Protein backbone atom coordinates (compact mmCIF):
# COMPACT_ATOMS: atom_id res chain seq x y z
CA MET A 1 0.00 0.00 0.00
CA LYS A 2 1.23 3.49 -0.87
CA LEU A 3 0.24 6.96 0.29
CA ARG A 4 0.05 9.96 -2.01
CA LEU A 5 -0.62 13.44 -0.64
CA VAL A 6 -1.80 15.99 -3.20
CA CYS A 7 -1.55 19.56 -1.90
CA VAL A 8 -2.40 22.88 -3.44
CA GLY A 9 0.41 25.27 -2.58
CA LYS A 10 3.83 24.99 -1.06
CA LEU A 11 4.88 25.29 2.55
CA ALA A 12 5.86 28.93 2.90
CA VAL A 13 8.16 29.00 5.91
CA SER A 14 11.14 26.90 6.88
CA TRP A 15 9.75 25.50 10.16
CA GLN A 16 6.71 24.13 8.29
CA ARG A 17 8.93 22.51 5.66
CA GLU A 18 11.14 21.01 8.37
CA ALA A 19 8.19 19.65 10.36
CA ALA A 20 6.55 18.20 7.24
CA ALA A 21 9.83 16.60 6.17
CA ASP A 22 10.26 15.09 9.64
CA TYR A 23 6.80 13.49 9.68
CA ALA A 24 7.13 12.39 6.05
CA GLU A 25 10.41 10.65 6.89
CA ARG A 26 8.85 8.96 9.93
CA LEU A 27 5.83 7.88 7.89
CA GLN A 28 7.99 6.35 5.18
CA ARG A 29 9.15 3.74 7.70
CA TYR A 30 5.67 2.25 7.28
CA PHE A 31 4.52 3.16 3.77
CA PRO A 32 5.95 4.63 0.59
CA LEU A 33 4.85 8.28 0.55
CA GLU A 34 4.70 10.70 -2.34
CA ILE A 35 3.87 14.37 -1.83
CA VAL A 36 2.63 16.21 -4.91
CA GLU A 37 2.50 20.00 -4.66
CA LEU A 38 0.34 21.87 -7.15
CA LYS A 39 0.66 25.57 -7.85
CA GLU A 40 -2.06 27.75 -6.34
CA GLU A 41 -4.30 29.57 -8.79
CA LYS A 42 -4.11 33.33 -8.33
CA GLY A 43 -6.79 36.00 -8.46
CA GLY A 44 -9.39 34.57 -6.10
CA ARG A 45 -10.19 37.74 -4.20
CA ARG A 46 -10.84 39.98 -7.16
CA GLY A 47 -11.31 37.17 -9.63
CA ASP A 48 -13.80 34.44 -10.13
CA VAL A 49 -13.36 31.94 -7.27
CA PRO A 50 -15.57 29.18 -8.80
CA ASN A 51 -13.45 29.18 -11.98
CA LEU A 52 -10.26 29.27 -9.92
CA LEU A 53 -11.46 26.24 -7.94
CA LYS A 54 -12.49 24.45 -11.14
CA ARG A 55 -8.99 24.87 -12.62
CA GLU A 56 -7.37 23.69 -9.38
CA GLY A 57 -9.84 20.81 -9.15
CA GLU A 58 -9.01 19.60 -12.65
CA ARG A 59 -5.29 19.60 -11.83
CA ILE A 60 -5.94 17.80 -8.52
CA LEU A 61 -8.01 15.06 -10.14
CA GLU A 62 -5.29 14.51 -12.77
CA LYS A 63 -3.00 13.51 -9.89
CA VAL A 64 -5.44 11.05 -8.26
CA PRO A 65 -4.79 7.46 -9.34
CA LEU A 66 -7.99 5.78 -10.55
CA ARG A 67 -8.10 2.86 -8.10
CA SER A 68 -6.97 4.79 -5.05
CA TYR A 69 -9.02 5.35 -1.91
CA LEU A 70 -9.50 9.11 -2.08
CA ILE A 71 -9.63 11.08 1.16
CA VAL A 72 -10.35 14.78 0.75
CA LEU A 73 -9.83 17.16 3.63
CA ASP A 74 -12.87 19.36 4.02
CA GLU A 75 -14.06 21.42 6.96
CA ARG A 76 -17.55 19.95 6.49
CA GLY A 77 -16.24 16.39 6.38
CA ARG A 78 -16.46 13.60 8.93
CA SER A 79 -14.49 14.00 12.14
CA VAL A 80 -12.70 10.89 13.33
CA GLY A 81 -10.34 10.26 16.21
CA SER A 82 -6.78 9.07 15.79
CA GLU A 83 -7.69 5.48 16.62
CA GLN A 84 -10.59 5.55 14.14
CA LEU A 85 -8.26 6.79 11.41
CA ALA A 86 -5.86 3.97 12.27
CA GLU A 87 -8.74 1.47 12.01
CA ARG A 88 -9.64 2.80 8.55
CA LEU A 89 -6.03 2.48 7.47
CA GLU A 90 -5.84 -1.07 8.80
CA SER A 91 -9.11 -2.05 7.15
CA GLU A 92 -7.95 -0.76 3.77
CA MET A 93 -4.63 -2.59 4.18
CA LEU A 94 -6.34 -5.87 5.02
CA HIS A 95 -9.44 -5.79 2.84
CA GLY A 96 -9.27 -3.08 0.20
CA GLY A 97 -5.70 -3.21 -0.94
CA ARG A 98 -6.00 0.20 -2.54
CA ASP A 99 -3.43 2.93 -2.21
CA TRP A 100 -4.56 6.03 -0.35
CA CYS A 101 -4.59 9.41 -2.03
CA LEU A 102 -5.20 12.35 0.30
CA VAL A 103 -6.04 15.83 -0.97
CA ILE A 104 -5.60 19.21 0.69
CA GLY A 105 -7.05 22.13 -1.23
CA GLY A 106 -5.79 25.68 -1.35
CA PRO A 107 -6.84 28.82 0.49
CA TYR A 108 -10.20 29.03 -1.31
CA GLY A 109 -11.17 25.41 -0.71
CA LEU A 110 -12.01 22.73 -3.26
CA ASP A 111 -14.04 22.35 -6.39
CA PRO A 112 -17.26 20.35 -5.84
CA GLU A 113 -16.07 17.72 -8.36
CA VAL A 114 -13.14 16.86 -6.11
CA ARG A 115 -15.49 16.42 -3.15
CA GLN A 116 -17.83 14.24 -5.23
CA ARG A 117 -14.98 11.94 -6.26
CA ALA A 118 -13.94 11.39 -2.63
CA ASP A 119 -14.43 8.09 -0.85
CA LEU A 120 -14.15 10.00 2.44
CA LEU A 121 -14.52 13.68 3.26
CA LEU A 122 -12.38 14.15 6.35
CA SER A 123 -12.36 17.06 8.75
CA LEU A 124 -9.31 17.55 10.95
CA SER A 125 -11.24 19.85 13.28
CA LYS A 126 -14.22 22.15 13.52
CA MET A 127 -11.65 24.94 13.62
CA THR A 128 -10.28 26.42 10.42
CA PHE A 129 -6.59 25.92 9.63
CA THR A 130 -4.42 27.18 6.82
CA HIS A 131 -3.78 24.58 4.15
CA GLN A 132 -0.12 24.58 5.22
CA MET A 133 -1.02 23.68 8.81
CA ALA A 134 -3.52 21.08 7.60
CA ARG A 135 -0.65 19.32 5.84
CA LEU A 136 1.38 19.14 9.04
CA PHE A 137 -1.57 17.89 11.08
CA LEU A 138 -2.47 15.28 8.47
CA LEU A 139 1.09 13.94 8.21
CA GLU A 140 1.28 13.72 12.00
CA GLN A 141 -2.04 11.87 12.20
CA LEU A 142 -1.00 9.40 9.51
CA TYR A 143 2.22 8.74 11.41
CA ARG A 144 0.26 8.39 14.66
CA SER A 145 -2.08 5.90 12.95
CA CYS A 146 0.89 3.75 11.96
CA THR A 147 2.26 3.74 15.50
CA ILE A 148 -1.18 2.81 16.84
CA LEU A 149 -1.38 -0.15 14.47
CA ARG A 150 2.07 -1.32 15.54
CA ASN A 151 1.40 -0.72 19.25
CA GLU A 152 4.36 1.63 19.42
CA PRO A 153 4.58 4.09 22.32
CA TYR A 154 4.06 7.35 20.35
CA HIS A 155 0.28 7.38 20.93
CA ASN A 156 -0.45 7.47 24.65
CA ARG A 157 -3.63 5.49 25.19
């Protein structure tokens, strides 16, 4: 099983890049991980946000492998705990066999077509985070899920 993370935008500051690289390295002890960064569309504030999202959405969907289990981060998505996420990961490993593709949209959100294609709409929190912070939190939670499945001491239960 492989993990692919498709993100709109780059990590802007060095501490974010360092933290993401650290969790990505930890996560790769368990699964191959590929991070795909897509360029943000510009002009959303004065421009036409729906068209901006449509262009980003088309580029996102081009990067989603057809047979993958698609998880899209969305503030209106389902909230799950760390152990529930680990259970989903384990279930897919044992029964589905599909690679996971996880999508984080840009500052204006996601095109509805991306949401419709998702197997799971996932919310990290009821709070709103920048897409850069969402990447860090998601990488950490994926790593935590792996340690839960292996009964390693990272997750204090």
